[in-house]
């Protein structure tokens, strides 16, 4: 989330991910962090997102998301979660980045 790092469109801070992964799942954790920082504006959070690739795939299978509030030794914020880079109703070929809709039966 650019509002946490202030790095908008920074190539080192970009990764290909699905809308579900980014806007639905990651955003919930990121708003949790911003709410904490609004409540405690003088505190700091160590925050890291690491893309996880399998083999030589071009697209990450998912992202390891970690956060830890410094001044209170993780009491306010501490999590380490893996978020799969997928999208309901879509299949992704992680080796090429190609995707297509899954046809649903009636």
PDB file of N, CA and C in Angstrom:
ATOM      1  N   UNK A   1       0.852  -1.172   0.000  1.00  0.00           N
ATOM      2  CA  UNK A   1       0.000   0.000   0.000  1.00  0.00           C
ATOM      3  C   UNK A   1       0.892   1.226   0.000  1.00  0.00           C
ATOM      4  N   UNK A   2       0.714   2.060  -0.991  1.00  0.00           N
ATOM      5  CA  UNK A   2       1.608   3.208  -1.145  1.00  0.00           C
ATOM      6  C   UNK A   2       1.545   4.155   0.039  1.00  0.00           C
ATOM      7  N   UNK A   3       0.404   4.228   0.744  1.00  0.00           N
ATOM      8  CA  UNK A   3       0.319   5.181   1.847  1.00  0.00           C
ATOM      9  C   UNK A   3       1.183   4.777   3.035  1.00  0.00           C
ATOM     10  N   UNK A   4       1.591   3.506   3.105  1.00  0.00           N
ATOM     11  CA  UNK A   4       2.485   3.080   4.180  1.00  0.00           C
ATOM     12  C   UNK A   4       3.944   3.369   3.849  1.00  0.00           C
ATOM     13  N   UNK A   5       4.295   3.273   2.586  1.00  0.00           N
ATOM     14  CA  UNK A   5       5.694   3.462   2.208  1.00  0.00           C
ATOM     15  C   UNK A   5       5.953   4.784   1.490  1.00  0.00           C
ATOM     16  N   UNK A   6       4.902   5.371   0.951  1.00  0.00           N
ATOM     17  CA  UNK A   6       4.996   6.592   0.135  1.00  0.00           C
ATOM     18  C   UNK A   6       5.763   6.345  -1.158  1.00  0.00           C
ATOM     19  N   UNK A   7       5.865   5.083  -1.565  1.00  0.00           N
ATOM     20  CA  UNK A   7       6.533   4.731  -2.812  1.00  0.00           C
ATOM     21  C   UNK A   7       5.469   4.335  -3.833  1.00  0.00           C
ATOM     22  N   UNK A   8       4.905   5.308  -4.501  1.00  0.00           N
ATOM     23  CA  UNK A   8       3.883   5.029  -5.496  1.00  0.00           C
ATOM     24  C   UNK A   8       4.533   4.789  -6.857  1.00  0.00           C
ATOM     25  N   UNK A   9       4.249   3.646  -7.463  1.00  0.00           N
ATOM     26  CA  UNK A   9       4.786   3.270  -8.779  1.00  0.00           C
ATOM     27  C   UNK A   9       6.311   3.159  -8.774  1.00  0.00           C
ATOM     28  N   UNK A  10       6.878   2.836  -7.641  1.00  0.00           N
ATOM     29  CA  UNK A  10       8.317   2.584  -7.539  1.00  0.00           C
ATOM     30  C   UNK A  10       8.581   1.163  -8.048  1.00  0.00           C
ATOM     31  N   UNK A  11       9.369   0.992  -9.107  1.00  0.00           N
ATOM     32  CA  UNK A  11       9.592  -0.344  -9.677  1.00  0.00           C
ATOM     33  C   UNK A  11      10.036  -1.394  -8.657  1.00  0.00           C
ATOM     34  N   UNK A  12      10.814  -0.994  -7.665  1.00  0.00           N
ATOM     35  CA  UNK A  12      11.275  -1.945  -6.653  1.00  0.00           C
ATOM     36  C   UNK A  12      10.140  -2.376  -5.724  1.00  0.00           C
ATOM     37  N   UNK A  13       9.028  -1.661  -5.780  1.00  0.00           N
ATOM     38  CA  UNK A  13       7.919  -1.904  -4.867  1.00  0.00           C
ATOM     39  C   UNK A  13       6.704  -2.495  -5.594  1.00  0.00           C
ATOM     40  N   UNK A  14       6.870  -2.959  -6.836  1.00  0.00           N
ATOM     41  CA  UNK A  14       5.748  -3.454  -7.625  1.00  0.00           C
ATOM     42  C   UNK A  14       5.853  -4.957  -7.868  1.00  0.00           C
ATOM     43  N   UNK A  15       4.709  -5.603  -7.907  1.00  0.00           N
ATOM     44  CA  UNK A  15       4.633  -7.026  -8.233  1.00  0.00           C
ATOM     45  C   UNK A  15       3.287  -7.289  -8.895  1.00  0.00           C
ATOM     46  N   UNK A  16       3.263  -8.264  -9.774  1.00  0.00           N
ATOM     47  CA  UNK A  16       2.016  -8.644 -10.422  1.00  0.00           C
ATOM     48  C   UNK A  16       1.189  -9.483  -9.466  1.00  0.00           C
ATOM     49  N   UNK A  17      -0.034  -9.019  -9.200  1.00  0.00           N
ATOM     50  CA  UNK A  17      -0.926  -9.775  -8.336  1.00  0.00           C
ATOM     51  C   UNK A  17      -2.368  -9.570  -8.770  1.00  0.00           C
ATOM     52  N   UNK A  18      -3.207 -10.477  -8.334  1.00  0.00           N
ATOM     53  CA  UNK A  18      -4.607 -10.395  -8.704  1.00  0.00           C
ATOM     54  C   UNK A  18      -5.317  -9.318  -7.892  1.00  0.00           C
ATOM     55  N   UNK A  19      -6.456  -8.908  -8.388  1.00  0.00           N
ATOM     56  CA  UNK A  19      -7.259  -7.918  -7.666  1.00  0.00           C
ATOM     57  C   UNK A  19      -7.695  -8.476  -6.313  1.00  0.00           C
ATOM     58  N   UNK A  20      -8.078  -9.750  -6.288  1.00  0.00           N
ATOM     59  CA  UNK A  20      -8.517 -10.370  -5.038  1.00  0.00           C
ATOM     60  C   UNK A  20      -7.395 -10.356  -4.003  1.00  0.00           C
ATOM     61  N   UNK A  21      -6.200 -10.743  -4.420  1.00  0.00           N
ATOM     62  CA  UNK A  21      -5.050 -10.763  -3.523  1.00  0.00           C
ATOM     63  C   UNK A  21      -4.760  -9.369  -2.969  1.00  0.00           C
ATOM     64  N   UNK A  22      -4.752  -8.384  -3.837  1.00  0.00           N
ATOM     65  CA  UNK A  22      -4.378  -7.033  -3.453  1.00  0.00           C
ATOM     66  C   UNK A  22      -5.521  -6.273  -2.780  1.00  0.00           C
ATOM     67  N   UNK A  23      -6.639  -6.132  -3.480  1.00  0.00           N
ATOM     68  CA  UNK A  23      -7.720  -5.256  -3.014  1.00  0.00           C
ATOM     69  C   UNK A  23      -8.619  -5.871  -1.948  1.00  0.00           C
ATOM     70  N   UNK A  24      -8.740  -7.177  -1.942  1.00  0.00           N
ATOM     71  CA  UNK A  24      -9.626  -7.815  -0.970  1.00  0.00           C
ATOM     72  C   UNK A  24      -8.861  -8.274   0.272  1.00  0.00           C
ATOM     73  N   UNK A  25      -7.770  -8.994   0.088  1.00  0.00           N
ATOM     74  CA  UNK A  25      -7.080  -9.585   1.237  1.00  0.00           C
ATOM     75  C   UNK A  25      -6.031  -8.650   1.831  1.00  0.00           C
ATOM     76  N   UNK A  26      -5.046  -8.236   1.033  1.00  0.00           N
ATOM     77  CA  UNK A  26      -3.957  -7.399   1.566  1.00  0.00           C
ATOM     78  C   UNK A  26      -4.465  -6.085   2.156  1.00  0.00           C
ATOM     79  N   UNK A  27      -5.439  -5.512   1.521  1.00  0.00           N
ATOM     80  CA  UNK A  27      -5.954  -4.217   1.968  1.00  0.00           C
ATOM     81  C   UNK A  27      -6.473  -4.281   3.403  1.00  0.00           C
ATOM     82  N   UNK A  28      -7.094  -5.399   3.789  1.00  0.00           N
ATOM     83  CA  UNK A  28      -7.598  -5.526   5.160  1.00  0.00           C
ATOM     84  C   UNK A  28      -6.466  -5.428   6.174  1.00  0.00           C
ATOM     85  N   UNK A  29      -5.343  -6.082   5.896  1.00  0.00           N
ATOM     86  CA  UNK A  29      -4.194  -5.996   6.792  1.00  0.00           C
ATOM     87  C   UNK A  29      -3.592  -4.592   6.785  1.00  0.00           C
ATOM     88  N   UNK A  30      -3.532  -3.980   5.610  1.00  0.00           N
ATOM     89  CA  UNK A  30      -2.929  -2.652   5.499  1.00  0.00           C
ATOM     90  C   UNK A  30      -3.765  -1.589   6.216  1.00  0.00           C
ATOM     91  N   UNK A  31      -5.086  -1.708   6.152  1.00  0.00           N
ATOM     92  CA  UNK A  31      -5.928  -0.762   6.894  1.00  0.00           C
ATOM     93  C   UNK A  31      -5.781  -0.963   8.400  1.00  0.00           C
ATOM     94  N   UNK A  32      -5.566  -2.195   8.810  1.00  0.00           N
ATOM     95  CA  UNK A  32      -5.290  -2.471  10.216  1.00  0.00           C
ATOM     96  C   UNK A  32      -4.034  -1.707  10.660  1.00  0.00           C
ATOM     97  N   UNK A  33      -3.007  -1.716   9.811  1.00  0.00           N
ATOM     98  CA  UNK A  33      -1.770  -0.997  10.126  1.00  0.00           C
ATOM     99  C   UNK A  33      -1.984   0.510  10.158  1.00  0.00           C
ATOM    100  N   UNK A  34      -2.704   1.035   9.178  1.00  0.00           N
ATOM    101  CA  UNK A  34      -2.933   2.487   9.157  1.00  0.00           C
ATOM    102  C   UNK A  34      -3.794   2.921  10.339  1.00  0.00           C
ATOM    103  N   UNK A  35      -4.750   2.097  10.749  1.00  0.00           N
ATOM    104  CA  UNK A  35      -5.559   2.429  11.934  1.00  0.00           C
ATOM    105  C   UNK A  35      -4.689   2.480  13.186  1.00  0.00           C
ATOM    106  N   UNK A  36      -3.765   1.531  13.309  1.00  0.00           N
ATOM    107  CA  UNK A  36      -2.849   1.525  14.450  1.00  0.00           C
ATOM    108  C   UNK A  36      -2.001   2.801  14.461  1.00  0.00           C
ATOM    109  N   UNK A  37      -1.485   3.174  13.295  1.00  0.00           N
ATOM    110  CA  UNK A  37      -0.637   4.368  13.224  1.00  0.00           C
ATOM    111  C   UNK A  37      -1.422   5.659  13.453  1.00  0.00           C
ATOM    112  N   UNK A  38      -2.688   5.674  13.098  1.00  0.00           N
ATOM    113  CA  UNK A  38      -3.523   6.848  13.410  1.00  0.00           C
ATOM    114  C   UNK A  38      -3.731   6.978  14.911  1.00  0.00           C
ATOM    115  N   UNK A  39      -3.920   5.827  15.568  1.00  0.00           N
ATOM    116  CA  UNK A  39      -4.136   5.842  17.016  1.00  0.00           C
ATOM    117  C   UNK A  39      -2.850   6.157  17.779  1.00  0.00           C
ATOM    118  N   UNK A  40      -1.714   5.708  17.236  1.00  0.00           N
ATOM    119  CA  UNK A  40      -0.413   5.913  17.873  1.00  0.00           C
ATOM    120  C   UNK A  40       0.547   6.540  16.859  1.00  0.00           C
ATOM    121  N   UNK A  41       0.393   7.811  16.566  1.00  0.00           N
ATOM    122  CA  UNK A  41       1.180   8.443  15.494  1.00  0.00           C
ATOM    123  C   UNK A  41       2.685   8.526  15.753  1.00  0.00           C
ATOM    124  N   UNK A  42       3.121   8.370  16.986  1.00  0.00           N
ATOM    125  CA  UNK A  42       4.552   8.431  17.287  1.00  0.00           C
ATOM    126  C   UNK A  42       5.223   7.057  17.288  1.00  0.00           C
ATOM    127  N   UNK A  43       4.466   6.032  16.941  1.00  0.00           N
ATOM    128  CA  UNK A  43       5.023   4.678  16.934  1.00  0.00           C
ATOM    129  C   UNK A  43       5.414   4.269  15.515  1.00  0.00           C
ATOM    130  N   UNK A  44       6.139   3.164  15.442  1.00  0.00           N
ATOM    131  CA  UNK A  44       6.650   2.668  14.160  1.00  0.00           C
ATOM    132  C   UNK A  44       6.299   1.196  13.985  1.00  0.00           C
ATOM    133  N   UNK A  45       6.173   0.797  12.722  1.00  0.00           N
ATOM    134  CA  UNK A  45       5.891  -0.592  12.390  1.00  0.00           C
ATOM    135  C   UNK A  45       6.944  -1.073  11.401  1.00  0.00           C
ATOM    136  N   UNK A  46       7.534  -2.217  11.691  1.00  0.00           N
ATOM    137  CA  UNK A  46       8.372  -2.887  10.700  1.00  0.00           C
ATOM    138  C   UNK A  46       7.404  -3.659   9.802  1.00  0.00           C
ATOM    139  N   UNK A  47       7.507  -3.444   8.506  1.00  0.00           N
ATOM    140  CA  UNK A  47       6.518  -3.981   7.571  1.00  0.00           C
ATOM    141  C   UNK A  47       7.237  -4.491   6.338  1.00  0.00           C
ATOM    142  N   UNK A  48       6.899  -5.727   5.950  1.00  0.00           N
ATOM    143  CA  UNK A  48       7.576  -6.300   4.789  1.00  0.00           C
ATOM    144  C   UNK A  48       6.620  -7.233   4.061  1.00  0.00           C
ATOM    145  N   UNK A  49       6.664  -7.131   2.731  1.00  0.00           N
ATOM    146  CA  UNK A  49       5.933  -8.064   1.884  1.00  0.00           C
ATOM    147  C   UNK A  49       6.951  -8.688   0.938  1.00  0.00           C
ATOM    148  N   UNK A  50       6.999 -10.022   0.946  1.00  0.00           N
ATOM    149  CA  UNK A  50       7.958 -10.753   0.129  1.00  0.00           C
ATOM    150  C   UNK A  50       7.213 -11.621  -0.875  1.00  0.00           C
ATOM    151  N   UNK A  51       7.434 -11.398  -2.186  1.00  0.00           N
ATOM    152  CA  UNK A  51       6.812 -12.291  -3.164  1.00  0.00           C
ATOM    153  C   UNK A  51       7.467 -13.668  -3.098  1.00  0.00           C
ATOM    154  N   UNK A  52       6.657 -14.707  -3.250  1.00  0.00           N
ATOM    155  CA  UNK A  52       7.152 -16.080  -3.192  1.00  0.00           C
ATOM    156  C   UNK A  52       6.929 -16.732  -4.557  1.00  0.00           C
ATOM    157  N   UNK A  53       8.024 -17.067  -5.209  1.00  0.00           N
ATOM    158  CA  UNK A  53       7.988 -17.687  -6.532  1.00  0.00           C
ATOM    159  C   UNK A  53       8.308 -19.165  -6.404  1.00  0.00           C
ATOM    160  N   UNK A  54       7.747 -19.970  -7.299  1.00  0.00           N
ATOM    161  CA  UNK A  54       8.101 -21.381  -7.397  1.00  0.00           C
ATOM    162  C   UNK A  54       8.912 -21.564  -8.668  1.00  0.00           C
ATOM    163  N   UNK A  55      10.089 -22.165  -8.539  1.00  0.00           N
ATOM    164  CA  UNK A  55      10.938 -22.414  -9.706  1.00  0.00           C
ATOM    165  C   UNK A  55      11.241 -21.149 -10.478  1.00  0.00           C
ATOM    166  N   UNK A  56      11.064 -21.217 -11.797  1.00  0.00           N
ATOM    167  CA  UNK A  56      11.325 -20.072 -12.677  1.00  0.00           C
ATOM    168  C   UNK A  56      10.053 -19.334 -13.080  1.00  0.00           C
ATOM    169  N   UNK A  57       8.997 -19.497 -12.307  1.00  0.00           N
ATOM    170  CA  UNK A  57       7.731 -18.838 -12.648  1.00  0.00           C
ATOM    171  C   UNK A  57       7.902 -17.324 -12.749  1.00  0.00           C
ATOM    172  N   UNK A  58       7.159 -16.724 -13.665  1.00  0.00           N
ATOM    173  CA  UNK A  58       7.201 -15.277 -13.859  1.00  0.00           C
ATOM    174  C   UNK A  58       6.293 -14.534 -12.887  1.00  0.00           C
ATOM    175  N   UNK A  59       5.296 -15.222 -12.353  1.00  0.00           N
ATOM    176  CA  UNK A  59       4.330 -14.609 -11.443  1.00  0.00           C
ATOM    177  C   UNK A  59       4.439 -15.298 -10.084  1.00  0.00           C
ATOM    178  N   UNK A  60       4.418 -14.505  -9.030  1.00  0.00           N
ATOM    179  CA  UNK A  60       4.518 -15.054  -7.674  1.00  0.00           C
ATOM    180  C   UNK A  60       3.281 -15.882  -7.345  1.00  0.00           C
ATOM    181  N   UNK A  61       3.507 -16.994  -6.668  1.00  0.00           N
ATOM    182  CA  UNK A  61       2.410 -17.852  -6.210  1.00  0.00           C
ATOM    183  C   UNK A  61       1.657 -17.183  -5.065  1.00  0.00           C
ATOM    184  N   UNK A  62       2.358 -16.318  -4.342  1.00  0.00           N
ATOM    185  CA  UNK A  62       1.742 -15.615  -3.221  1.00  0.00           C
ATOM    186  C   UNK A  62       2.723 -14.658  -2.592  1.00  0.00           C
ATOM    187  N   UNK A  63       2.311 -14.085  -1.465  1.00  0.00           N
ATOM    188  CA  UNK A  63       3.110 -13.055  -0.805  1.00  0.00           C
ATOM    189  C   UNK A  63       3.129 -13.302   0.699  1.00  0.00           C
ATOM    190  N   UNK A  64       4.327 -13.259   1.272  1.00  0.00           N
ATOM    191  CA  UNK A  64       4.475 -13.344   2.715  1.00  0.00           C
ATOM    192  C   UNK A  64       4.393 -11.920   3.247  1.00  0.00           C
ATOM    193  N   UNK A  65       3.429 -11.688   4.113  1.00  0.00           N
ATOM    194  CA  UNK A  65       3.179 -10.348   4.639  1.00  0.00           C
ATOM    195  C   UNK A  65       3.479 -10.359   6.136  1.00  0.00           C
ATOM    196  N   UNK A  66       4.396  -9.465   6.563  1.00  0.00           N
ATOM    197  CA  UNK A  66       4.828  -9.435   7.955  1.00  0.00           C
ATOM    198  C   UNK A  66       4.754  -8.016   8.504  1.00  0.00           C
ATOM    199  N   UNK A  67       4.342  -7.895   9.765  1.00  0.00           N
ATOM    200  CA  UNK A  67       4.320  -6.587  10.422  1.00  0.00           C
ATOM    201  C   UNK A  67       4.560  -6.765  11.918  1.00  0.00           C
ATOM    202  N   UNK A  68       5.213  -5.750  12.506  1.00  0.00           N
ATOM    203  CA  UNK A  68       5.577  -5.803  13.915  1.00  0.00           C
ATOM    204  C   UNK A  68       5.688  -4.379  14.443  1.00  0.00           C
ATOM    205  N   UNK A  69       4.917  -4.067  15.478  1.00  0.00           N
ATOM    206  CA  UNK A  69       4.993  -2.732  16.075  1.00  0.00           C
ATOM    207  C   UNK A  69       6.197  -2.669  17.012  1.00  0.00           C
ATOM    208  N   UNK A  70       7.040  -1.662  16.797  1.00  0.00           N
ATOM    209  CA  UNK A  70       8.350  -1.589  17.445  1.00  0.00           C
ATOM    210  C   UNK A  70       8.269  -1.193  18.911  1.00  0.00           C
ATOM    211  N   UNK A  71       7.678  -0.050  19.197  1.00  0.00           N
ATOM    212  CA  UNK A  71       7.731   0.499  20.557  1.00  0.00           C
ATOM    213  C   UNK A  71       7.037  -0.368  21.603  1.00  0.00           C
ATOM    214  N   UNK A  72       6.037  -1.143  21.197  1.00  0.00           N
ATOM    215  CA  UNK A  72       5.341  -1.993  22.166  1.00  0.00           C
ATOM    216  C   UNK A  72       5.677  -3.482  21.968  1.00  0.00           C
ATOM    217  N   UNK A  73       6.808  -3.730  21.318  1.00  0.00           N
ATOM    218  CA  UNK A  73       7.322  -5.092  21.113  1.00  0.00           C
ATOM    219  C   UNK A  73       6.288  -6.054  20.516  1.00  0.00           C
ATOM    220  N   UNK A  74       5.545  -5.558  19.535  1.00  0.00           N
ATOM    221  CA  UNK A  74       4.584  -6.396  18.832  1.00  0.00           C
ATOM    222  C   UNK A  74       3.238  -6.547  19.517  1.00  0.00           C
ATOM    223  N   UNK A  75       3.043  -5.885  20.638  1.00  0.00           N
ATOM    224  CA  UNK A  75       1.767  -6.007  21.339  1.00  0.00           C
ATOM    225  C   UNK A  75       0.620  -5.445  20.502  1.00  0.00           C
ATOM    226  N   UNK A  76       0.843  -4.329  19.858  1.00  0.00           N
ATOM    227  CA  UNK A  76      -0.205  -3.693  19.052  1.00  0.00           C
ATOM    228  C   UNK A  76      -0.371  -4.327  17.692  1.00  0.00           C
ATOM    229  N   UNK A  77       0.741  -4.698  17.070  1.00  0.00           N
ATOM    230  CA  UNK A  77       0.707  -5.302  15.740  1.00  0.00           C
ATOM    231  C   UNK A  77       1.786  -6.372  15.655  1.00  0.00           C
ATOM    232  N   UNK A  78       1.380  -7.563  15.340  1.00  0.00           N
ATOM    233  CA  UNK A  78       2.333  -8.626  15.031  1.00  0.00           C
ATOM    234  C   UNK A  78       1.600  -9.686  14.225  1.00  0.00           C
ATOM    235  N   UNK A  79       2.024  -9.836  12.975  1.00  0.00           N
ATOM    236  CA  UNK A  79       1.464 -10.914  12.169  1.00  0.00           C
ATOM    237  C   UNK A  79       2.444 -11.330  11.085  1.00  0.00           C
ATOM    238  N   UNK A  80       2.277 -12.547  10.656  1.00  0.00           N
ATOM    239  CA  UNK A  80       3.030 -13.116   9.538  1.00  0.00           C
ATOM    240  C   UNK A  80       2.040 -14.025   8.815  1.00  0.00           C
ATOM    241  N   UNK A  81       1.591 -13.607   7.640  1.00  0.00           N
ATOM    242  CA  UNK A  81       0.576 -14.361   6.899  1.00  0.00           C
ATOM    243  C   UNK A  81       1.047 -14.585   5.464  1.00  0.00           C
ATOM    244  N   UNK A  82       0.577 -15.680   4.886  1.00  0.00           N
ATOM    245  CA  UNK A  82       0.826 -15.942   3.474  1.00  0.00           C
ATOM    246  C   UNK A  82      -0.468 -15.713   2.730  1.00  0.00           C
ATOM    247  N   UNK A  83      -0.398 -14.886   1.685  1.00  0.00           N
ATOM    248  CA  UNK A  83      -1.572 -14.566   0.887  1.00  0.00           C
ATOM    249  C   UNK A  83      -1.364 -15.123  -0.509  1.00  0.00           C
ATOM    250  N   UNK A  84      -2.247 -16.029  -0.900  1.00  0.00           N
ATOM    251  CA  UNK A  84      -2.140 -16.640  -2.226  1.00  0.00           C
ATOM    252  C   UNK A  84      -2.503 -15.634  -3.303  1.00  0.00           C
ATOM    253  N   UNK A  85      -1.745 -15.648  -4.378  1.00  0.00           N
ATOM    254  CA  UNK A  85      -1.966 -14.763  -5.515  1.00  0.00           C
ATOM    255  C   UNK A  85      -2.897 -15.475  -6.500  1.00  0.00           C
ATOM    256  N   UNK A  86      -4.165 -15.527  -6.122  1.00  0.00           N
ATOM    257  CA  UNK A  86      -5.148 -16.154  -6.987  1.00  0.00           C
ATOM    258  C   UNK A  86      -6.387 -15.281  -7.071  1.00  0.00           C
ATOM    259  N   UNK A  87      -7.342 -15.709  -7.836  1.00  0.00           N
ATOM    260  CA  UNK A  87      -8.573 -14.937  -8.055  1.00  0.00           C
ATOM    261  C   UNK A  87      -9.702 -15.935  -8.260  1.00  0.00           C
ATOM    262  N   UNK A  88     -10.760 -15.852  -7.464  1.00  0.00           N
ATOM    263  CA  UNK A  88     -11.882 -16.763  -7.670  1.00  0.00           C
ATOM    264  C   UNK A  88     -12.411 -16.668  -9.113  1.00  0.00           C
ATOM    265  N   UNK A  89     -12.608 -17.836  -9.737  1.00  0.00           N
ATOM    266  CA  UNK A  89     -13.146 -17.887 -11.087  1.00  0.00           C
ATOM    267  C   UNK A  89     -12.121 -17.740 -12.196  1.00  0.00           C
ATOM    268  N   UNK A  90     -10.839 -17.661 -11.843  1.00  0.00           N
ATOM    269  CA  UNK A  90      -9.788 -17.480 -12.852  1.00  0.00           C
ATOM    270  C   UNK A  90      -8.668 -18.482 -12.588  1.00  0.00           C
ATOM    271  N   UNK A  91      -8.153 -19.086 -13.653  1.00  0.00           N
ATOM    272  CA  UNK A  91      -6.965 -19.924 -13.514  1.00  0.00           C
ATOM    273  C   UNK A  91      -5.767 -19.130 -14.016  1.00  0.00           C
ATOM    274  N   UNK A  92      -4.663 -19.306 -13.357  1.00  0.00           N
ATOM    275  CA  UNK A  92      -3.441 -18.568 -13.697  1.00  0.00           C
ATOM    276  C   UNK A  92      -2.332 -19.563 -13.996  1.00  0.00           C
ATOM    277  N   UNK A  93      -1.641 -19.349 -15.101  1.00  0.00           N
ATOM    278  CA  UNK A  93      -0.424 -20.101 -15.392  1.00  0.00           C
ATOM    279  C   UNK A  93       0.717 -19.245 -14.855  1.00  0.00           C
ATOM    280  N   UNK A  94       1.202 -19.575 -13.679  1.00  0.00           N
ATOM    281  CA  UNK A  94       2.218 -18.762 -13.004  1.00  0.00           C
ATOM    282  C   UNK A  94       3.548 -18.759 -13.757  1.00  0.00           C
ATOM    283  N   UNK A  95       3.770 -19.759 -14.593  1.00  0.00           N
ATOM    284  CA  UNK A  95       5.031 -19.809 -15.336  1.00  0.00           C
ATOM    285  C   UNK A  95       5.063 -18.798 -16.475  1.00  0.00           C
ATOM    286  N   UNK A  96       3.893 -18.456 -17.018  1.00  0.00           N
ATOM    287  CA  UNK A  96       3.837 -17.513 -18.142  1.00  0.00           C
ATOM    288  C   UNK A  96       3.119 -16.210 -17.798  1.00  0.00           C
ATOM    289  N   UNK A  97       2.273 -16.244 -16.794  1.00  0.00           N
ATOM    290  CA  UNK A  97       1.472 -15.076 -16.443  1.00  0.00           C
ATOM    291  C   UNK A  97       0.132 -15.031 -17.149  1.00  0.00           C
ATOM    292  N   UNK A  98      -0.138 -15.997 -18.021  1.00  0.00           N
ATOM    293  CA  UNK A  98      -1.425 -16.011 -18.727  1.00  0.00           C
ATOM    294  C   UNK A  98      -2.519 -16.502 -17.795  1.00  0.00           C
ATOM    295  N   UNK A  99      -3.717 -15.982 -18.019  1.00  0.00           N
ATOM    296  CA  UNK A  99      -4.850 -16.373 -17.192  1.00  0.00           C
ATOM    297  C   UNK A  99      -6.104 -16.464 -18.052  1.00  0.00           C
ATOM    298  N   UNK A 100      -7.108 -17.170 -17.531  1.00  0.00           N
ATOM    299  CA  UNK A 100      -8.399 -17.217 -18.215  1.00  0.00           C
ATOM    300  C   UNK A 100      -9.493 -17.554 -17.210  1.00  0.00           C
ATOM    301  N   UNK A 101     -10.707 -17.151 -17.580  1.00  0.00           N
ATOM    302  CA  UNK A 101     -11.868 -17.420 -16.728  1.00  0.00           C
ATOM    303  C   UNK A 101     -12.186 -18.900 -16.718  1.00  0.00           C
ATOM    304  N   UNK A 102     -12.671 -19.369 -15.586  1.00  0.00           N
ATOM    305  CA  UNK A 102     -13.138 -20.733 -15.471  1.00  0.00           C
ATOM    306  C   UNK A 102     -14.615 -20.721 -15.830  1.00  0.00           C
ATOM    307  N   UNK A 103     -15.001 -21.562 -16.760  1.00  0.00           N
ATOM    308  CA  UNK A 103     -16.406 -21.634 -17.134  1.00  0.00           C
ATOM    309  C   UNK A 103     -17.168 -22.369 -16.053  1.00  0.00           C
ATOM    310  N   UNK A 104     -18.194 -21.727 -15.546  1.00  0.00           N
ATOM    311  CA  UNK A 104     -18.994 -22.301 -14.473  1.00  0.00           C
ATOM    312  C   UNK A 104     -20.195 -23.021 -15.076  1.00  0.00           C
ATOM    313  N   UNK A 105     -20.508 -24.193 -14.544  1.00  0.00           N
ATOM    314  CA  UNK A 105     -21.673 -24.949 -14.996  1.00  0.00           C
ATOM    315  C   UNK A 105     -22.960 -24.339 -14.479  1.00  0.00           C
ATOM    316  N   UNK A 106     -24.058 -24.664 -15.134  1.00  0.00           N
ATOM    317  CA  UNK A 106     -25.366 -24.120 -14.704  1.00  0.00           C
ATOM    318  C   UNK A 106     -25.941 -24.947 -13.606  1.00  0.00           C
TER     319      UNK A 106
END
